[in-house]
Amino acid sequence: MNNATITDPPRILVVGIGGTGAEGLPAMLLTRIQQARVLVGGQRHLAAFPGFGGETLAVTCRMQHIVERLQQARDQGELAVVLASGDPLCYGIGTTLLRHFPPDALEFIPAPSAFQLAGAALGEPWIDFALLSAHARPLADVIERVRTVPKAVILTDHQHTPAVIAQALLAARLPPTTLCAVCENLGYPEQRIVRATLSSVAAQEFAALNVFVVWRDDEATRRSGEDMPLRLMATAPHLPSTSACAAGLPDAAFATEAGLITKREVRLLSLAELALRPGEVLWDIGAGSGAVGIEAARSQPTAQVYAVEKREALCQCIRENLRRFPAPNFSLIEGTAPAACQAWPDPDAVFIGGSGGHLTAMIALVQARLRPGGRLVINLVTLENLQTVRTLLPAARVVQVQISVGQPIQDMLRFEAQNPVFIVSLRREASLGDG
């Protein structure tokens, strides 16, 4: 056998293109693309080759179908080309292709990435930025990273727009005056650079094709904690610093129905017992107006808060409160616990503010699902429910909270008593499941 006659299957050509489309590609590369049998790309990429005579596949198809067709073309000795934006290996389709094909089956020809174009447009070395992507990824991970670096550039998508990201950063306690920029349509004739502050970006809409740049001011970030009202620090001296800065909104700031809200002082004590940490999962059962879950979510932007509330009117209140106090890491289900909780990830902390008559079943689910070291906090107002919880959780700590709020009466001050609340708390040790 003459080994010289054996040829390897052609490599899949992965080409990055910029705002000038086909016009920005060398003539030799254009020829290779036109000679291909299969052309894969986004609708915008395929539109740059209107005269292509082969088969086209839009990336809106199932990725598995695209991979199978590319493999088939390669097996048959046909040239296949994949078009991508910028650098295919920079948060692009190249990474996906490498999960299905060995590196020597792919040939990459990149164009400038969105990060490089943003750096050029802003006149800053892009290599100094933290390069992040919120495209089809958990926003909480991006927010936590932005909080720890001097400057970041973020790829956005239709869900995680600059406004949504800015709102999440504000909820994470970045100062409203934080400097940022939105770079729209980079590399295209309609390119536009908008330099602004975090608070102004949070209230604006931008072109769908953009990257979001944030410069974190360490001094401003530090002072945002120092400038916290003294009354809040005095009210909750034992809260972790991140929670103390973010929690303690006045009750009147929340939309509610028939006054069904965990009052501010009880809310702060309950949040302290929950002790939510970065990246953890919190269940908020019987969320009411959502005050506890929303404040927890805003205090830890990388945590995930799952809330359930069965009353439609209160769910509307929660949605309104999320509009007032954005928390992208807060998820609401209108339903009944414990059934609504079955699909949630195992919790690190659970708050039960209302069980809808299913207190025993809810505690049983928590005993089965709470992670080691997890915290359970229950707010109760009746002796009967307290007796039920004491029977099920005899090792739990119980505190009765009786708050009286000062009210003016002529030129004097009187105190108006609120309903007493029992705060039941328990940390899961190895024996919790034995109850």
Protein backbone atom coordinates (compact mmCIF):
# COMPACT_ATOMS: atom_id res chain seq x y z
CA MET A 1 0.00 0.00 0.00
CA ASN A 2 1.26 3.45 -0.87
CA ASN A 3 0.86 5.52 2.28
CA ALA A 4 1.36 8.72 0.29
CA THR A 5 -2.11 8.27 -1.20
CA ILE A 6 -3.80 8.31 2.23
CA THR A 7 -5.00 11.79 3.15
CA ASP A 8 -6.33 13.03 6.46
CA PRO A 9 -9.90 14.33 6.52
CA PRO A 10 -10.06 18.11 6.08
CA ARG A 11 -10.06 20.21 9.21
CA ILE A 12 -13.17 22.20 10.10
CA LEU A 13 -12.38 25.85 9.42
CA VAL A 14 -13.54 28.17 12.21
CA VAL A 15 -13.36 31.81 11.10
CA GLY A 16 -13.90 34.90 13.22
CA ILE A 17 -15.43 37.86 11.43
CA GLY A 18 -15.90 41.45 12.55
CA GLY A 19 -18.20 44.34 11.80
CA THR A 20 -17.07 44.61 8.17
CA GLY A 21 -18.23 41.04 7.53
CA ALA A 22 -16.82 39.32 4.46
CA GLU A 23 -15.13 42.51 3.32
CA GLY A 24 -12.64 42.30 6.16
CA LEU A 25 -11.37 38.83 5.22
CA PRO A 26 -8.35 38.11 2.98
CA ALA A 27 -9.12 36.99 -0.58
CA MET A 28 -7.57 33.54 -0.02
CA LEU A 29 -9.77 32.94 3.03
CA LEU A 30 -12.87 34.11 1.17
CA THR A 31 -12.09 31.58 -1.57
CA ARG A 32 -11.86 28.75 0.96
CA ILE A 33 -15.19 29.74 2.48
CA GLN A 34 -16.92 29.88 -0.91
CA GLN A 35 -15.55 26.42 -1.75
CA ALA A 36 -16.95 24.85 1.42
CA ARG A 37 -19.78 22.33 1.31
CA VAL A 38 -21.28 23.36 4.67
CA LEU A 39 -21.40 26.83 6.19
CA VAL A 40 -22.42 27.27 9.85
CA GLY A 41 -22.98 30.57 11.66
CA GLY A 42 -25.42 33.00 13.21
CA GLN A 43 -27.97 34.65 10.97
CA ARG A 44 -25.85 37.81 10.95
CA HIS A 45 -22.77 35.84 9.89
CA LEU A 46 -24.54 33.87 7.15
CA ALA A 47 -26.00 37.11 5.75
CA ALA A 48 -22.42 38.21 4.98
CA PHE A 49 -22.25 35.43 2.33
CA PRO A 50 -25.49 35.79 0.34
CA GLY A 51 -24.06 34.04 -2.72
CA PHE A 52 -22.89 30.91 -0.91
CA GLY A 53 -23.88 27.87 -3.00
CA GLY A 54 -23.57 25.10 -0.41
CA GLU A 55 -25.58 24.06 2.61
CA THR A 56 -26.07 26.59 5.41
CA LEU A 57 -26.88 25.86 9.05
CA ALA A 58 -27.84 28.59 11.52
CA VAL A 59 -26.64 28.18 15.10
CA THR A 60 -30.25 28.50 16.19
CA CYS A 61 -30.43 24.76 15.34
CA ARG A 62 -29.71 22.17 18.01
CA MET A 63 -25.97 22.12 18.62
CA GLN A 64 -25.93 18.34 18.49
CA HIS A 65 -27.37 18.45 14.96
CA ILE A 66 -24.68 20.93 13.91
CA VAL A 67 -21.93 18.76 15.39
CA GLU A 68 -23.26 15.65 13.63
CA ARG A 69 -23.41 17.48 10.28
CA LEU A 70 -19.87 18.81 10.70
CA GLN A 71 -18.59 15.34 11.51
CA GLN A 72 -20.43 13.90 8.52
CA ALA A 73 -18.90 16.49 6.19
CA ARG A 74 -15.45 15.76 7.56
CA ASP A 75 -15.92 11.99 7.19
CA GLN A 76 -16.91 12.51 3.55
CA GLY A 77 -13.87 14.67 2.87
CA GLU A 78 -15.92 17.86 2.49
CA LEU A 79 -14.80 21.25 3.76
CA ALA A 80 -17.01 22.69 6.49
CA VAL A 81 -16.72 26.26 7.77
CA VAL A 82 -18.02 27.73 11.02
CA LEU A 83 -18.37 31.51 11.24
CA ALA A 84 -18.12 33.26 14.60
CA SER A 85 -17.90 36.77 16.03
CA GLY A 86 -14.40 37.96 16.81
CA ASP A 87 -12.20 35.32 18.40
CA PRO A 88 -14.03 31.94 18.38
CA LEU A 89 -11.96 30.78 21.38
CA CYS A 90 -12.83 33.79 23.55
CA TYR A 91 -16.20 32.88 25.11
CA GLY A 92 -17.22 31.72 21.64
CA ILE A 93 -18.34 28.67 19.71
CA GLY A 94 -14.75 27.43 19.49
CA THR A 95 -14.89 26.23 23.09
CA THR A 96 -18.07 24.27 22.34
CA LEU A 97 -16.55 22.68 19.25
CA LEU A 98 -13.52 21.55 21.24
CA ARG A 99 -15.84 19.52 23.46
CA HIS A 100 -16.82 17.46 20.40
CA PHE A 101 -13.71 17.46 18.19
CA PRO A 102 -9.99 17.01 18.90
CA PRO A 103 -7.88 20.17 18.42
CA ASP A 104 -6.24 18.80 15.27
CA ALA A 105 -9.69 18.50 13.63
CA LEU A 106 -10.20 22.27 13.86
CA GLU A 107 -8.45 25.22 12.25
CA PHE A 108 -9.03 28.57 13.98
CA ILE A 109 -8.62 31.94 12.28
CA PRO A 110 -9.65 34.65 14.77
CA ALA A 111 -10.66 38.26 14.31
CA PRO A 112 -10.24 40.87 17.08
CA SER A 113 -12.37 39.93 20.09
CA ALA A 114 -15.01 42.19 21.61
CA PHE A 115 -12.63 42.70 24.53
CA GLN A 116 -9.87 43.96 22.23
CA LEU A 117 -12.28 46.23 20.36
CA ALA A 118 -13.61 47.66 23.64
CA GLY A 119 -10.07 48.37 24.84
CA ALA A 120 -9.24 50.12 21.57
CA ALA A 121 -12.45 52.16 21.63
CA LEU A 122 -11.81 53.25 25.22
CA GLY A 123 -8.09 53.81 24.73
CA GLU A 124 -7.16 51.36 27.48
CA PRO A 125 -5.05 48.16 27.41
CA TRP A 126 -7.68 45.40 27.36
CA ILE A 127 -5.29 42.91 28.95
CA ASP A 128 -5.64 44.84 32.24
CA PHE A 129 -9.38 44.09 32.44
CA ALA A 130 -10.98 41.06 34.03
CA LEU A 131 -12.57 39.40 30.99
CA LEU A 132 -16.05 38.15 31.94
CA SER A 133 -19.16 36.87 30.20
CA ALA A 134 -22.78 36.99 31.39
CA HIS A 135 -23.93 35.32 28.17
CA ALA A 136 -25.98 32.25 29.17
CA ARG A 137 -24.09 32.08 32.48
CA PRO A 138 -25.08 32.66 36.13
CA LEU A 139 -25.09 36.40 36.76
CA ALA A 140 -24.14 35.90 40.41
CA ASP A 141 -20.69 34.61 39.38
CA VAL A 142 -20.07 37.73 37.30
CA ILE A 143 -21.22 40.09 40.07
CA GLU A 144 -18.91 38.50 42.64
CA ARG A 145 -15.94 38.79 40.26
CA VAL A 146 -16.64 42.46 39.45
CA ARG A 147 -16.68 43.22 43.18
CA THR A 148 -13.09 41.96 43.55
CA VAL A 149 -11.25 43.48 40.56
CA PRO A 150 -10.26 47.07 39.70
CA LYS A 151 -11.88 46.95 36.25
CA ALA A 152 -13.91 44.45 34.29
CA VAL A 153 -15.34 44.09 30.79
CA ILE A 154 -18.46 41.95 30.50
CA LEU A 155 -20.09 40.29 27.50
CA THR A 156 -23.87 40.69 27.81
CA ASP A 157 -26.91 38.96 26.30
CA HIS A 158 -30.62 39.67 25.84
CA GLN A 159 -31.40 38.60 29.41
CA HIS A 160 -28.36 40.02 31.19
CA THR A 161 -28.35 43.49 29.68
CA PRO A 162 -26.16 46.35 30.97
CA ALA A 163 -29.17 47.67 32.90
CA VAL A 164 -29.78 44.31 34.62
CA ILE A 165 -26.09 43.90 35.45
CA ALA A 166 -25.90 47.47 36.76
CA GLN A 167 -28.93 46.89 38.99
CA ALA A 168 -27.32 43.72 40.38
CA LEU A 169 -24.07 45.60 41.06
CA LEU A 170 -25.98 48.33 42.89
CA ALA A 171 -27.69 45.64 44.96
CA ALA A 172 -24.20 44.28 45.71
CA ARG A 173 -23.37 47.68 47.24
CA LEU A 174 -21.19 49.16 44.52
CA PRO A 175 -21.60 52.94 44.73
CA PRO A 176 -24.09 54.49 42.26
CA THR A 177 -21.29 56.81 41.09
CA THR A 178 -19.13 53.88 39.94
CA LEU A 179 -17.76 54.73 36.50
CA CYS A 180 -18.67 52.45 33.61
CA ALA A 181 -19.12 52.38 29.85
CA VAL A 182 -21.35 50.57 27.38
CA CYS A 183 -19.68 49.83 24.05
CA GLU A 184 -22.35 49.26 21.41
CA ASN A 185 -21.93 47.59 17.99
CA LEU A 186 -18.14 47.39 18.25
CA GLY A 187 -16.46 47.26 14.85
CA TYR A 188 -19.65 48.23 13.00
CA PRO A 189 -20.33 51.59 11.34
CA GLU A 190 -22.92 52.37 14.05
CA GLN A 191 -20.41 51.84 16.89
CA ARG A 192 -21.18 54.01 19.92
CA ILE A 193 -19.45 54.39 23.28
CA VAL A 194 -21.56 55.57 26.24
CA ARG A 195 -19.58 56.59 29.33
CA ALA A 196 -21.81 56.81 32.39
CA THR A 197 -22.25 55.91 36.04
CA LEU A 198 -23.71 52.70 37.37
CA SER A 199 -26.95 54.38 38.44
CA SER A 200 -27.56 55.91 34.99
CA VAL A 201 -26.83 52.64 33.14
CA ALA A 202 -29.32 50.87 35.42
CA ALA A 203 -32.10 53.07 34.00
CA GLN A 204 -31.22 52.89 30.28
CA GLU A 205 -31.58 50.55 27.31
CA PHE A 206 -28.80 49.91 24.81
CA ALA A 207 -28.27 48.21 21.47
CA ALA A 208 -28.43 44.42 21.77
CA LEU A 209 -24.81 43.98 20.60
CA ASN A 210 -22.68 45.46 23.38
CA VAL A 211 -20.10 44.92 26.09
CA PHE A 212 -20.28 46.50 29.53
CA VAL A 213 -17.18 47.95 31.21
CA VAL A 214 -16.96 48.73 34.96
CA TRP A 215 -14.18 50.53 36.83
CA ARG A 216 -14.43 49.76 40.56
CA ASP A 217 -13.37 52.65 42.80
CA ASP A 218 -11.85 51.04 45.90
CA GLU A 219 -12.06 54.20 47.96
CA ALA A 220 -15.70 54.77 47.02
CA THR A 221 -16.52 51.14 47.77
CA ARG A 222 -14.82 51.37 51.15
CA ARG A 223 -16.63 54.58 52.08
CA SER A 224 -20.03 53.17 51.10
CA GLY A 225 -19.74 50.92 54.17
CA GLU A 226 -18.46 53.72 56.41
CA ASP A 227 -21.36 55.97 55.51
CA MET A 228 -23.97 53.47 56.75
CA PRO A 229 -26.50 55.14 59.07
CA LEU A 230 -25.54 54.84 62.73
CA ARG A 231 -29.05 53.68 63.67
CA LEU A 232 -28.66 50.57 61.50
CA MET A 233 -25.36 49.60 63.07
CA ALA A 234 -26.88 50.03 66.52
CA THR A 235 -29.91 47.93 65.60
CA ALA A 236 -27.98 44.91 64.31
CA PRO A 237 -24.48 44.86 65.80
CA HIS A 238 -24.04 41.10 65.31
CA LEU A 239 -24.86 40.89 61.60
CA PRO A 240 -22.02 40.00 59.21
CA SER A 241 -20.65 43.16 57.63
CA THR A 242 -22.08 42.47 54.15
CA SER A 243 -25.53 41.86 55.57
CA ALA A 244 -25.37 44.84 57.90
CA CYS A 245 -24.66 47.13 54.99
CA ALA A 246 -27.41 45.79 52.79
CA ALA A 247 -30.20 44.78 55.20
CA GLY A 248 -32.53 46.83 57.34
CA LEU A 249 -34.79 48.54 54.82
CA PRO A 250 -37.74 50.22 56.56
CA ASP A 251 -41.02 48.29 56.51
CA ALA A 252 -42.73 51.16 54.72
CA ALA A 253 -40.38 50.69 51.74
CA PHE A 254 -42.01 47.34 50.91
CA ALA A 255 -45.33 46.75 49.20
CA THR A 256 -47.44 44.43 51.35
CA GLU A 257 -50.96 43.12 51.80
CA ALA A 258 -52.80 43.43 55.14
CA GLY A 259 -49.49 44.14 56.89
CA LEU A 260 -48.16 40.62 56.18
CA ILE A 261 -44.46 41.35 56.41
CA THR A 262 -41.69 40.22 58.75
CA LYS A 263 -41.08 43.42 60.70
CA ARG A 264 -37.71 45.09 60.35
CA GLU A 265 -36.28 44.25 63.78
CA VAL A 266 -37.39 40.60 63.61
CA ARG A 267 -36.17 40.47 60.00
CA LEU A 268 -32.67 41.59 61.01
CA LEU A 269 -32.48 39.03 63.82
CA SER A 270 -33.69 36.27 61.49
CA LEU A 271 -31.15 37.23 58.80
CA ALA A 272 -28.41 37.13 61.42
CA GLU A 273 -29.45 33.57 62.39
CA LEU A 274 -29.60 32.51 58.73
CA ALA A 275 -26.03 33.87 58.25
CA LEU A 276 -26.19 33.49 54.46
CA ARG A 277 -22.75 33.30 52.85
CA PRO A 278 -21.53 33.82 49.26
CA GLY A 279 -22.60 31.10 46.86
CA GLU A 280 -25.06 29.46 49.25
CA VAL A 281 -28.71 28.48 48.66
CA LEU A 282 -31.55 29.90 50.77
CA TRP A 283 -35.15 28.69 50.80
CA ASP A 284 -37.77 31.28 51.82
CA ILE A 285 -40.96 29.38 52.69
CA GLY A 286 -44.18 31.33 52.95
CA ALA A 287 -42.41 34.42 51.63
CA GLY A 288 -45.26 36.84 52.33
CA SER A 289 -44.13 40.19 50.99
CA GLY A 290 -40.66 38.81 50.26
CA ALA A 291 -38.80 41.13 52.63
CA VAL A 292 -36.57 38.46 54.21
CA GLY A 293 -35.65 36.73 50.96
CA ILE A 294 -35.07 39.97 49.04
CA GLU A 295 -32.84 41.45 51.73
CA ALA A 296 -30.91 38.16 51.95
CA ALA A 297 -30.47 38.07 48.16
CA ARG A 298 -29.28 41.67 48.04
CA SER A 299 -26.81 41.12 50.89
CA GLN A 300 -25.19 38.15 49.09
CA PRO A 301 -25.42 38.64 45.30
CA THR A 302 -23.67 35.31 44.61
CA ALA A 303 -26.13 33.34 46.75
CA GLN A 304 -29.33 31.90 45.26
CA VAL A 305 -32.64 32.58 47.01
CA TYR A 306 -35.71 30.47 46.19
CA ALA A 307 -39.03 31.72 47.54
CA VAL A 308 -42.52 30.22 47.54
CA GLU A 309 -45.78 32.01 48.34
CA LYS A 310 -49.26 30.60 47.66
CA ARG A 311 -51.31 33.83 47.78
CA GLU A 312 -51.53 35.63 44.45
CA ALA A 313 -51.90 39.08 46.04
CA LEU A 314 -48.69 38.61 48.02
CA CYS A 315 -46.87 37.31 44.95
CA GLN A 316 -47.80 40.57 43.25
CA CYS A 317 -46.33 42.40 46.25
CA ILE A 318 -43.10 40.40 45.93
CA ARG A 319 -42.83 41.27 42.22
CA GLU A 320 -43.36 44.94 43.03
CA ASN A 321 -40.71 44.77 45.77
CA LEU A 322 -38.28 43.18 43.32
CA ARG A 323 -38.94 46.08 40.99
CA ARG A 324 -38.13 48.50 43.81
CA PHE A 325 -35.16 46.50 45.07
CA PRO A 326 -33.73 44.42 42.18
CA ALA A 327 -32.29 41.04 43.17
CA PRO A 328 -31.47 38.93 40.07
CA ASN A 329 -30.55 35.99 42.32
CA PHE A 330 -34.09 35.80 43.80
CA SER A 331 -36.52 33.28 42.26
CA LEU A 332 -40.24 33.21 43.11
CA ILE A 333 -42.70 30.34 42.74
CA GLU A 334 -46.41 30.91 43.28
CA GLY A 335 -47.41 27.65 44.93
CA THR A 336 -47.55 25.63 48.12
CA ALA A 337 -44.71 24.18 50.17
CA PRO A 338 -43.37 21.57 50.44
CA ALA A 339 -44.46 20.46 46.95
CA ALA A 340 -43.06 23.61 45.32
CA CYS A 341 -39.61 23.00 46.84
CA GLN A 342 -38.94 19.54 45.42
CA ALA A 343 -37.00 20.75 42.33
CA TRP A 344 -34.88 23.30 44.23
CA PRO A 345 -31.22 22.61 45.00
CA ASP A 346 -30.46 21.48 48.55
CA PRO A 347 -30.39 24.50 50.87
CA ASP A 348 -27.67 25.89 53.10
CA ALA A 349 -30.26 27.98 54.94
CA VAL A 350 -34.04 27.79 55.26
CA PHE A 351 -36.40 30.49 56.51
CA ILE A 352 -39.98 29.50 57.30
CA GLY A 353 -42.15 32.55 57.76
CA GLY A 354 -45.38 30.76 56.97
CA SER A 355 -46.11 27.10 56.27
CA GLY A 356 -49.74 27.27 55.22
CA GLY A 357 -50.70 24.46 57.58
CA HIS A 358 -47.89 22.19 56.37
CA LEU A 359 -45.38 22.90 59.13
CA THR A 360 -44.74 19.23 60.00
CA ALA A 361 -44.23 18.24 56.35
CA MET A 362 -42.00 21.24 55.75
CA ILE A 363 -39.74 20.44 58.67
CA ALA A 364 -39.50 16.81 57.49
CA LEU A 365 -38.33 18.03 54.05
CA VAL A 366 -35.77 20.36 55.62
CA GLN A 367 -34.45 17.52 57.77
CA ALA A 368 -33.97 15.45 54.63
CA ARG A 369 -32.48 18.18 52.42
CA LEU A 370 -30.60 20.71 54.58
CA ARG A 371 -26.87 20.52 53.94
CA PRO A 372 -24.40 19.84 56.77
CA GLY A 373 -23.74 23.05 58.66
CA GLY A 374 -26.99 24.48 57.28
CA ARG A 375 -29.26 26.78 59.28
CA LEU A 376 -33.01 26.57 59.82
CA VAL A 377 -34.88 29.63 61.11
CA ILE A 378 -38.62 29.63 61.80
CA ASN A 379 -40.78 32.60 62.81
CA LEU A 380 -43.89 31.66 64.82
CA VAL A 381 -46.64 33.68 66.44
CA THR A 382 -48.79 30.97 68.11
CA LEU A 383 -48.07 28.70 71.08
CA GLU A 384 -49.62 25.75 69.23
CA ASN A 385 -47.15 25.98 66.34
CA LEU A 386 -44.32 26.50 68.81
CA GLN A 387 -45.30 23.28 70.58
CA THR A 388 -45.30 21.43 67.23
CA VAL A 389 -41.83 22.69 66.39
CA ARG A 390 -40.50 21.93 69.88
CA THR A 391 -41.76 18.35 69.56
CA LEU A 392 -40.13 17.89 66.13
CA LEU A 393 -36.93 19.81 66.90
CA PRO A 394 -36.27 19.56 70.65
CA ALA A 395 -32.66 20.79 70.25
CA ALA A 396 -33.69 24.04 68.58
CA ARG A 397 -32.96 27.41 70.18
CA VAL A 398 -36.08 29.49 70.88
CA VAL A 399 -36.12 33.25 71.44
CA GLN A 400 -39.20 35.35 72.04
CA VAL A 401 -38.95 38.82 70.53
CA GLN A 402 -41.23 41.57 71.77
CA ILE A 403 -40.68 44.84 69.94
CA SER A 404 -42.22 48.14 70.97
CA VAL A 405 -41.92 51.07 68.61
CA GLY A 406 -41.81 54.64 69.82
CA GLN A 407 -44.76 56.80 68.72
CA PRO A 408 -45.21 60.53 69.38
CA ILE A 409 -48.14 61.62 71.49
CA GLN A 410 -48.42 65.42 71.57
CA ASP A 411 -44.96 66.52 72.76
CA MET A 412 -44.22 63.19 74.46
CA LEU A 413 -43.31 59.65 73.43
CA ARG A 414 -45.21 56.44 73.97
CA PHE A 415 -44.38 52.86 72.89
CA GLU A 416 -46.66 50.78 70.70
CA ALA A 417 -46.21 47.04 71.15
CA GLN A 418 -46.00 44.73 68.15
CA ASN A 419 -47.12 41.12 68.29
CA PRO A 420 -44.56 38.89 70.02
CA VAL A 421 -42.68 36.50 67.71
CA PHE A 422 -40.89 33.26 68.49
CA ILE A 423 -37.66 32.85 66.52
CA VAL A 424 -36.68 29.19 66.38
CA SER A 425 -33.19 28.45 65.05
CA LEU A 426 -31.16 25.31 64.53
CA ARG A 427 -27.85 24.51 62.84
CA ARG A 428 -27.63 21.14 61.19
CA GLU A 429 -25.13 18.84 62.79
CA ALA A 430 -24.80 15.12 62.11
CA SER A 431 -27.73 14.44 64.42
CA LEU A 432 -30.29 16.86 62.94
CA GLY A 433 -31.90 14.19 60.81
CA ASP A 434 -32.51 12.18 63.95
CA GLY A 435 -34.49 15.15 65.32
